[in-house]
Amino acid sequence: MTEKRLYQTVARSILDMIESGSYPPGTRLPGERELAERFDVSRVVVREAEISLEALGRVEIKVGSGVYVRDPVAMTGLALPRVTPFELTQTRLLFESECAALAATMITDEQIAGLEATIERMKTAPHDTDDGEAADRDFHLQIAQATDNEANVFFLKTLWRMRTEIDPVKRVYSAVCHADTSHRVNEHSEVLEALRARDPGAARIAMRGHFSRLLEALLDASERQAIEDARRRSIENRERFLKSAIGA
């Protein structure tokens, strides 16, 4: 069974547990290790299953605390807009840069340690893997949580849903992540160092630099795709019209 199908199966099983009443709204789900043993899968698969359930609004992932069941009645049913990868990244640049600046004024030593652990995960997990993507998400989510503002946390989670659930955005991001992983740890480390120094200006600049480079990578990927599409159309036209010319 593929990894994608496996995490969907585990998500369905967890959802069955919730809907059976075993875990009512507000309760904490068993930890990753326990669920991995129960379903005989890796912890990465469990984490991806939980992220997919959070995207559906059925659970809430609280970094450092656990995964909690949400009340379906409280779900917002927020529909995602149709955005391009560039629009999303521009919004993330504006929003997350200010989140980083605000977090720098109030982040705790414990939260700094959490970010350090997340960067260590990035060092060992390729960006285009499930674990690498989860580490990236956790890093940005922890910064939003460090602002001590639930509106910021909610908005960050919604932006990440756009990143993973809107197909055109997901495809372009995946292509960039697969082709360009060399800058990821360094850029996130620069953000962390600014937060460690409790320097709002440096945190803002570091986060803006991260997303500015990502925008450039997205543009490069878009240009490569446009060239490839034009080449493919040219080959198709050549085969079509030369074939008819030979036949004549």
C-alpha atoms as a PDB file:
ATOM      1  CA  MET A   1       0.000   0.000   0.000  1.00  0.00           C
ATOM      2  CA  THR A   2       1.385   3.445  -0.896  1.00  0.00           C
ATOM      3  CA  GLU A   3       2.290   5.933   1.828  1.00  0.00           C
ATOM      4  CA  LYS A   4      -0.471   8.240   0.614  1.00  0.00           C
ATOM      5  CA  ARG A   5      -3.117   5.545   0.807  1.00  0.00           C
ATOM      6  CA  LEU A   6      -1.740   4.360   4.154  1.00  0.00           C
ATOM      7  CA  TYR A   7      -2.074   7.692   5.941  1.00  0.00           C
ATOM      8  CA  GLN A   8      -5.602   8.076   4.528  1.00  0.00           C
ATOM      9  CA  THR A   9      -6.506   4.658   5.933  1.00  0.00           C
ATOM     10  CA  VAL A  10      -5.082   5.588   9.333  1.00  0.00           C
ATOM     11  CA  ALA A  11      -6.961   8.909   9.253  1.00  0.00           C
ATOM     12  CA  ARG A  12     -10.189   7.015   8.576  1.00  0.00           C
ATOM     13  CA  SER A  13      -9.472   4.684  11.504  1.00  0.00           C
ATOM     14  CA  ILE A  14      -8.791   7.586  13.857  1.00  0.00           C
ATOM     15  CA  LEU A  15     -11.969   9.273  12.658  1.00  0.00           C
ATOM     16  CA  ASP A  16     -13.899   6.071  13.389  1.00  0.00           C
ATOM     17  CA  MET A  17     -12.513   6.145  16.929  1.00  0.00           C
ATOM     18  CA  ILE A  18     -13.696   9.727  17.326  1.00  0.00           C
ATOM     19  CA  GLU A  19     -17.141   9.143  15.846  1.00  0.00           C
ATOM     20  CA  SER A  20     -17.663   6.033  17.984  1.00  0.00           C
ATOM     21  CA  GLY A  21     -17.523   8.266  21.047  1.00  0.00           C
ATOM     22  CA  SER A  22     -14.260   6.834  22.370  1.00  0.00           C
ATOM     23  CA  TYR A  23     -12.736  10.298  22.200  1.00  0.00           C
ATOM     24  CA  PRO A  24     -15.345  13.041  22.667  1.00  0.00           C
ATOM     25  CA  PRO A  25     -14.661  16.717  21.799  1.00  0.00           C
ATOM     26  CA  GLY A  26     -11.949  18.250  23.954  1.00  0.00           C
ATOM     27  CA  THR A  27     -10.186  14.989  24.760  1.00  0.00           C
ATOM     28  CA  ARG A  28      -6.623  14.216  23.793  1.00  0.00           C
ATOM     29  CA  LEU A  29      -5.881  11.439  21.327  1.00  0.00           C
ATOM     30  CA  PRO A  30      -3.240   8.829  22.195  1.00  0.00           C
ATOM     31  CA  GLY A  31       0.311   9.842  21.325  1.00  0.00           C
ATOM     32  CA  GLU A  32       1.987   9.194  17.982  1.00  0.00           C
ATOM     33  CA  ARG A  33       3.954   6.242  19.324  1.00  0.00           C
ATOM     34  CA  GLU A  34       0.858   4.503  20.706  1.00  0.00           C
ATOM     35  CA  LEU A  35      -1.153   5.068  17.525  1.00  0.00           C
ATOM     36  CA  ALA A  36       1.751   3.894  15.366  1.00  0.00           C
ATOM     37  CA  GLU A  37       1.907   0.654  17.345  1.00  0.00           C
ATOM     38  CA  ARG A  38      -1.877   0.235  17.271  1.00  0.00           C
ATOM     39  CA  PHE A  39      -2.106   0.599  13.482  1.00  0.00           C
ATOM     40  CA  ASP A  40       1.314  -0.995  12.769  1.00  0.00           C
ATOM     41  CA  VAL A  41       2.592   2.031  10.831  1.00  0.00           C
ATOM     42  CA  SER A  42       5.371   4.594  11.233  1.00  0.00           C
ATOM     43  CA  ARG A  43       4.949   7.711  13.343  1.00  0.00           C
ATOM     44  CA  VAL A  44       5.310   9.759  10.148  1.00  0.00           C
ATOM     45  CA  VAL A  45       2.166   8.105   8.749  1.00  0.00           C
ATOM     46  CA  VAL A  46       0.302   8.856  11.985  1.00  0.00           C
ATOM     47  CA  ARG A  47       1.449  12.481  11.867  1.00  0.00           C
ATOM     48  CA  GLU A  48       0.248  12.881   8.272  1.00  0.00           C
ATOM     49  CA  ALA A  49      -3.092  11.298   9.187  1.00  0.00           C
ATOM     50  CA  GLU A  50      -3.503  13.768  12.049  1.00  0.00           C
ATOM     51  CA  ILE A  51      -2.576  16.713   9.823  1.00  0.00           C
ATOM     52  CA  SER A  52      -5.212  15.625   7.292  1.00  0.00           C
ATOM     53  CA  LEU A  53      -7.821  15.403  10.071  1.00  0.00           C
ATOM     54  CA  GLU A  54      -6.836  18.853  11.306  1.00  0.00           C
ATOM     55  CA  ALA A  55      -7.350  20.188   7.775  1.00  0.00           C
ATOM     56  CA  LEU A  56     -10.873  18.745   7.934  1.00  0.00           C
ATOM     57  CA  GLY A  57     -11.451  20.488  11.246  1.00  0.00           C
ATOM     58  CA  ARG A  58     -11.853  17.264  13.239  1.00  0.00           C
ATOM     59  CA  VAL A  59      -8.798  17.627  15.476  1.00  0.00           C
ATOM     60  CA  GLU A  60      -6.475  20.376  16.651  1.00  0.00           C
ATOM     61  CA  ILE A  61      -2.730  19.795  16.843  1.00  0.00           C
ATOM     62  CA  LYS A  62      -1.115  21.659  19.737  1.00  0.00           C
ATOM     63  CA  VAL A  63       2.652  21.476  19.415  1.00  0.00           C
ATOM     64  CA  GLY A  64       4.192  20.223  22.632  1.00  0.00           C
ATOM     65  CA  SER A  65       0.823  19.236  24.054  1.00  0.00           C
ATOM     66  CA  GLY A  66      -0.874  16.730  21.773  1.00  0.00           C
ATOM     67  CA  VAL A  67      -3.758  16.250  19.376  1.00  0.00           C
ATOM     68  CA  TYR A  68      -7.232  17.155  20.624  1.00  0.00           C
ATOM     69  CA  VAL A  69     -10.645  16.280  19.230  1.00  0.00           C
ATOM     70  CA  ARG A  70     -12.641  19.256  18.012  1.00  0.00           C
ATOM     71  CA  ASP A  71     -16.379  19.732  18.333  1.00  0.00           C
ATOM     72  CA  PRO A  72     -17.926  19.285  14.839  1.00  0.00           C
ATOM     73  CA  VAL A  73     -20.564  21.873  15.770  1.00  0.00           C
ATOM     74  CA  ALA A  74     -17.795  24.444  16.159  1.00  0.00           C
ATOM     75  CA  MET A  75     -16.335  23.813  12.713  1.00  0.00           C
ATOM     76  CA  THR A  76     -16.333  26.928  10.543  1.00  0.00           C
ATOM     77  CA  GLY A  77     -16.688  25.222   7.185  1.00  0.00           C
ATOM     78  CA  LEU A  78     -14.248  27.784   5.817  1.00  0.00           C
ATOM     79  CA  ALA A  79     -13.900  27.300   2.065  1.00  0.00           C
ATOM     80  CA  LEU A  80     -10.487  27.903   0.577  1.00  0.00           C
ATOM     81  CA  PRO A  81     -10.152  30.614  -2.093  1.00  0.00           C
ATOM     82  CA  ARG A  82      -8.694  29.984  -5.520  1.00  0.00           C
ATOM     83  CA  VAL A  83      -5.206  31.431  -5.279  1.00  0.00           C
ATOM     84  CA  THR A  84      -1.966  31.024  -7.196  1.00  0.00           C
ATOM     85  CA  PRO A  85       1.272  29.879  -5.534  1.00  0.00           C
ATOM     86  CA  PHE A  86       2.580  33.432  -5.933  1.00  0.00           C
ATOM     87  CA  GLU A  87      -0.437  35.018  -4.219  1.00  0.00           C
ATOM     88  CA  LEU A  88      -0.186  32.591  -1.327  1.00  0.00           C
ATOM     89  CA  THR A  89       3.545  33.136  -0.905  1.00  0.00           C
ATOM     90  CA  GLN A  90       3.144  36.913  -1.016  1.00  0.00           C
ATOM     91  CA  THR A  91       0.539  36.710   1.756  1.00  0.00           C
ATOM     92  CA  ARG A  92       2.738  34.375   3.791  1.00  0.00           C
ATOM     93  CA  LEU A  93       5.640  36.804   3.408  1.00  0.00           C
ATOM     94  CA  LEU A  94       3.581  39.700   4.741  1.00  0.00           C
ATOM     95  CA  PHE A  95       1.830  37.804   7.516  1.00  0.00           C
ATOM     96  CA  GLU A  96       4.557  35.492   8.771  1.00  0.00           C
ATOM     97  CA  SER A  97       7.211  38.214   8.801  1.00  0.00           C
ATOM     98  CA  GLU A  98       5.103  40.209  11.228  1.00  0.00           C
ATOM     99  CA  CYS A  99       4.339  37.073  13.252  1.00  0.00           C
ATOM    100  CA  ALA A 100       8.083  36.490  13.596  1.00  0.00           C
ATOM    101  CA  ALA A 101       8.631  40.078  14.723  1.00  0.00           C
ATOM    102  CA  LEU A 102       5.873  39.797  17.318  1.00  0.00           C
ATOM    103  CA  ALA A 103       7.049  36.377  18.489  1.00  0.00           C
ATOM    104  CA  ALA A 104      10.538  37.777  19.076  1.00  0.00           C
ATOM    105  CA  THR A 105       9.148  40.048  21.789  1.00  0.00           C
ATOM    106  CA  MET A 106       7.490  37.279  23.801  1.00  0.00           C
ATOM    107  CA  ILE A 107       8.915  33.877  22.874  1.00  0.00           C
ATOM    108  CA  THR A 108       9.903  31.623  25.782  1.00  0.00           C
ATOM    109  CA  ASP A 109      13.009  29.506  26.252  1.00  0.00           C
ATOM    110  CA  GLU A 110      10.806  26.411  25.973  1.00  0.00           C
ATOM    111  CA  GLN A 111       9.468  27.589  22.618  1.00  0.00           C
ATOM    112  CA  ILE A 112      13.014  28.299  21.427  1.00  0.00           C
ATOM    113  CA  ALA A 113      13.907  24.715  22.342  1.00  0.00           C
ATOM    114  CA  GLY A 114      10.908  23.484  20.364  1.00  0.00           C
ATOM    115  CA  LEU A 115      12.081  25.364  17.276  1.00  0.00           C
ATOM    116  CA  GLU A 116      15.592  23.957  17.703  1.00  0.00           C
ATOM    117  CA  ALA A 117      14.181  20.427  17.771  1.00  0.00           C
ATOM    118  CA  THR A 118      12.158  21.137  14.637  1.00  0.00           C
ATOM    119  CA  ILE A 119      15.241  22.332  12.755  1.00  0.00           C
ATOM    120  CA  GLU A 120      17.032  19.128  13.771  1.00  0.00           C
ATOM    121  CA  ARG A 121      14.161  17.215  12.155  1.00  0.00           C
ATOM    122  CA  MET A 122      14.626  19.308   8.996  1.00  0.00           C
ATOM    123  CA  LYS A 123      18.299  18.350   8.844  1.00  0.00           C
ATOM    124  CA  THR A 124      17.482  14.645   8.647  1.00  0.00           C
ATOM    125  CA  ALA A 125      14.240  14.702   6.614  1.00  0.00           C
ATOM    126  CA  PRO A 126      14.252  15.766   2.934  1.00  0.00           C
ATOM    127  CA  HIS A 127      11.870  18.639   2.326  1.00  0.00           C
ATOM    128  CA  ASP A 128       9.822  16.714  -0.242  1.00  0.00           C
ATOM    129  CA  THR A 129       8.991  13.892   2.189  1.00  0.00           C
ATOM    130  CA  ASP A 130       6.039  13.717   4.567  1.00  0.00           C
ATOM    131  CA  ASP A 131       8.300  14.138   7.601  1.00  0.00           C
ATOM    132  CA  GLY A 132      10.155  17.048   6.009  1.00  0.00           C
ATOM    133  CA  GLU A 133       6.914  18.814   5.159  1.00  0.00           C
ATOM    134  CA  ALA A 134       5.595  18.221   8.680  1.00  0.00           C
ATOM    135  CA  ALA A 135       8.776  19.716  10.173  1.00  0.00           C
ATOM    136  CA  ASP A 136       8.425  22.793   7.950  1.00  0.00           C
ATOM    137  CA  ARG A 137       4.788  23.216   8.985  1.00  0.00           C
ATOM    138  CA  ASP A 138       5.609  22.764  12.676  1.00  0.00           C
ATOM    139  CA  PHE A 139       8.340  25.424  12.543  1.00  0.00           C
ATOM    140  CA  HIS A 140       6.022  28.086  11.156  1.00  0.00           C
ATOM    141  CA  LEU A 141       3.139  26.999  13.394  1.00  0.00           C
ATOM    142  CA  GLN A 142       5.282  27.229  16.524  1.00  0.00           C
ATOM    143  CA  ILE A 143       6.208  30.811  15.648  1.00  0.00           C
ATOM    144  CA  ALA A 144       2.529  31.719  15.262  1.00  0.00           C
ATOM    145  CA  GLN A 145       1.830  30.062  18.619  1.00  0.00           C
ATOM    146  CA  ALA A 146       4.654  32.079  20.186  1.00  0.00           C
ATOM    147  CA  THR A 147       2.699  35.279  19.410  1.00  0.00           C
ATOM    148  CA  ASP A 148       0.144  34.104  21.997  1.00  0.00           C
ATOM    149  CA  ASN A 149      -2.669  35.074  19.620  1.00  0.00           C
ATOM    150  CA  GLU A 150      -5.135  32.389  18.536  1.00  0.00           C
ATOM    151  CA  ALA A 151      -6.176  34.455  15.507  1.00  0.00           C
ATOM    152  CA  ASN A 152      -2.606  34.249  14.215  1.00  0.00           C
ATOM    153  CA  VAL A 153      -2.542  30.486  14.812  1.00  0.00           C
ATOM    154  CA  PHE A 154      -5.845  30.023  12.986  1.00  0.00           C
ATOM    155  CA  PHE A 155      -4.697  32.124  10.034  1.00  0.00           C
ATOM    156  CA  LEU A 156      -1.383  30.250   9.817  1.00  0.00           C
ATOM    157  CA  LYS A 157      -3.202  26.905   9.749  1.00  0.00           C
ATOM    158  CA  THR A 158      -5.517  28.217   7.029  1.00  0.00           C
ATOM    159  CA  LEU A 159      -2.557  29.383   4.944  1.00  0.00           C
ATOM    160  CA  TRP A 160      -1.024  25.936   5.314  1.00  0.00           C
ATOM    161  CA  ARG A 161      -4.282  24.355   4.161  1.00  0.00           C
ATOM    162  CA  MET A 162      -4.003  26.470   0.995  1.00  0.00           C
ATOM    163  CA  ARG A 163      -0.415  25.240   0.648  1.00  0.00           C
ATOM    164  CA  THR A 164      -1.414  21.552   0.850  1.00  0.00           C
ATOM    165  CA  GLU A 165      -5.026  21.354  -0.371  1.00  0.00           C
ATOM    166  CA  ILE A 166      -5.185  23.606  -3.443  1.00  0.00           C
ATOM    167  CA  ASP A 167      -3.838  21.353  -6.193  1.00  0.00           C
ATOM    168  CA  PRO A 168      -2.073  23.960  -8.403  1.00  0.00           C
ATOM    169  CA  VAL A 169      -0.372  25.419  -5.323  1.00  0.00           C
ATOM    170  CA  LYS A 170       0.594  22.002  -3.994  1.00  0.00           C
ATOM    171  CA  ARG A 171       2.092  20.932  -7.335  1.00  0.00           C
ATOM    172  CA  VAL A 172       4.298  24.008  -7.714  1.00  0.00           C
ATOM    173  CA  TYR A 173       5.422  23.959  -4.086  1.00  0.00           C
ATOM    174  CA  SER A 174       6.257  20.260  -4.379  1.00  0.00           C
ATOM    175  CA  ALA A 175       8.328  20.891  -7.499  1.00  0.00           C
ATOM    176  CA  VAL A 176      10.271  23.655  -5.769  1.00  0.00           C
ATOM    177  CA  CYS A 177      10.808  21.609  -2.618  1.00  0.00           C
ATOM    178  CA  HIS A 178      12.077  18.666  -4.657  1.00  0.00           C
ATOM    179  CA  ALA A 179      14.488  20.772  -6.703  1.00  0.00           C
ATOM    180  CA  ASP A 180      15.726  23.201  -4.070  1.00  0.00           C
ATOM    181  CA  THR A 181      16.476  22.033  -0.521  1.00  0.00           C
ATOM    182  CA  SER A 182      19.906  23.583   0.062  1.00  0.00           C
ATOM    183  CA  HIS A 183      18.674  26.835   1.587  1.00  0.00           C
ATOM    184  CA  ARG A 184      15.932  25.464   3.836  1.00  0.00           C
ATOM    185  CA  VAL A 185      17.826  24.714   7.054  1.00  0.00           C
ATOM    186  CA  ASN A 186      19.992  27.857   6.808  1.00  0.00           C
ATOM    187  CA  GLU A 187      17.021  30.157   6.304  1.00  0.00           C
ATOM    188  CA  HIS A 188      15.020  28.664   9.160  1.00  0.00           C
ATOM    189  CA  SER A 189      18.118  28.785  11.371  1.00  0.00           C
ATOM    190  CA  GLU A 190      18.496  32.505  10.657  1.00  0.00           C
ATOM    191  CA  VAL A 191      14.916  33.062  11.785  1.00  0.00           C
ATOM    192  CA  LEU A 192      15.588  31.028  14.925  1.00  0.00           C
ATOM    193  CA  GLU A 193      18.726  33.003  15.781  1.00  0.00           C
ATOM    194  CA  ALA A 194      16.825  36.289  15.482  1.00  0.00           C
ATOM    195  CA  LEU A 195      14.115  34.918  17.770  1.00  0.00           C
ATOM    196  CA  ARG A 196      16.728  33.654  20.221  1.00  0.00           C
ATOM    197  CA  ALA A 197      18.172  37.184  20.326  1.00  0.00           C
ATOM    198  CA  ARG A 198      14.642  38.544  20.915  1.00  0.00           C
ATOM    199  CA  ASP A 199      15.267  40.936  18.009  1.00  0.00           C
ATOM    200  CA  PRO A 200      11.964  41.785  16.224  1.00  0.00           C
ATOM    201  CA  GLY A 201      13.631  43.622  13.346  1.00  0.00           C
ATOM    202  CA  ALA A 202      16.064  40.798  12.614  1.00  0.00           C
ATOM    203  CA  ALA A 203      13.261  38.214  12.890  1.00  0.00           C
ATOM    204  CA  ARG A 204      11.148  40.147  10.400  1.00  0.00           C
ATOM    205  CA  ILE A 205      14.057  40.497   7.951  1.00  0.00           C
ATOM    206  CA  ALA A 206      15.017  36.821   8.242  1.00  0.00           C
ATOM    207  CA  MET A 207      11.471  35.647   7.582  1.00  0.00           C
ATOM    208  CA  ARG A 208      11.032  38.072   4.671  1.00  0.00           C
ATOM    209  CA  GLY A 209      14.306  36.803   3.223  1.00  0.00           C
ATOM    210  CA  HIS A 210      13.065  33.230   3.468  1.00  0.00           C
ATOM    211  CA  PHE A 211       9.861  33.959   1.561  1.00  0.00           C
ATOM    212  CA  SER A 212      11.546  36.298  -0.934  1.00  0.00           C
ATOM    213  CA  ARG A 213      13.860  33.477  -1.954  1.00  0.00           C
ATOM    214  CA  LEU A 214      10.891  31.099  -2.095  1.00  0.00           C
ATOM    215  CA  LEU A 215       9.089  33.499  -4.438  1.00  0.00           C
ATOM    216  CA  GLU A 216      12.133  33.539  -6.716  1.00  0.00           C
ATOM    217  CA  ALA A 217      12.248  29.735  -6.697  1.00  0.00           C
ATOM    218  CA  LEU A 218       8.540  29.583  -7.540  1.00  0.00           C
ATOM    219  CA  LEU A 219       9.046  31.976 -10.440  1.00  0.00           C
ATOM    220  CA  ASP A 220      11.981  29.909 -11.728  1.00  0.00           C
ATOM    221  CA  ALA A 221       9.893  26.735 -11.506  1.00  0.00           C
ATOM    222  CA  SER A 222       7.025  28.437 -13.319  1.00  0.00           C
ATOM    223  CA  GLU A 223       9.338  29.560 -16.117  1.00  0.00           C
ATOM    224  CA  ARG A 224      10.776  26.057 -16.482  1.00  0.00           C
ATOM    225  CA  GLN A 225       7.276  24.608 -16.652  1.00  0.00           C
ATOM    226  CA  ALA A 226       6.219  27.157 -19.281  1.00  0.00           C
ATOM    227  CA  ILE A 227       9.268  26.272 -21.413  1.00  0.00           C
ATOM    228  CA  GLU A 228       8.556  22.567 -21.028  1.00  0.00           C
ATOM    229  CA  ASP A 229       4.890  23.055 -21.983  1.00  0.00           C
ATOM    230  CA  ALA A 230       5.890  25.073 -25.070  1.00  0.00           C
ATOM    231  CA  ARG A 231       8.409  22.386 -26.084  1.00  0.00           C
ATOM    232  CA  ARG A 232       5.804  19.651 -25.667  1.00  0.00           C
ATOM    233  CA  ARG A 233       3.253  21.546 -27.773  1.00  0.00           C
ATOM    234  CA  SER A 234       5.892  22.120 -30.440  1.00  0.00           C
ATOM    235  CA  ILE A 235       6.699  18.396 -30.595  1.00  0.00           C
ATOM    236  CA  GLU A 236       3.002  17.522 -30.793  1.00  0.00           C
ATOM    237  CA  ASN A 237       2.471  20.018 -33.617  1.00  0.00           C
ATOM    238  CA  ARG A 238       5.543  18.769 -35.462  1.00  0.00           C
ATOM    239  CA  GLU A 239       4.362  15.170 -35.280  1.00  0.00           C
ATOM    240  CA  ARG A 240       0.822  16.102 -36.280  1.00  0.00           C
ATOM    241  CA  PHE A 241       1.543  18.325 -39.249  1.00  0.00           C
ATOM    242  CA  LEU A 242       4.610  16.554 -40.625  1.00  0.00           C
ATOM    243  CA  LYS A 243       2.698  13.294 -40.550  1.00  0.00           C
ATOM    244  CA  SER A 244      -0.071  14.848 -42.630  1.00  0.00           C
ATOM    245  CA  ALA A 245       2.508  16.354 -45.015  1.00  0.00           C
ATOM    246  CA  ILE A 246       4.172  12.979 -45.566  1.00  0.00           C
ATOM    247  CA  GLY A 247       0.803  11.389 -46.092  1.00  0.00           C
ATOM    248  CA  ALA A 248      -0.029  13.955 -48.773  1.00  0.00           C
END
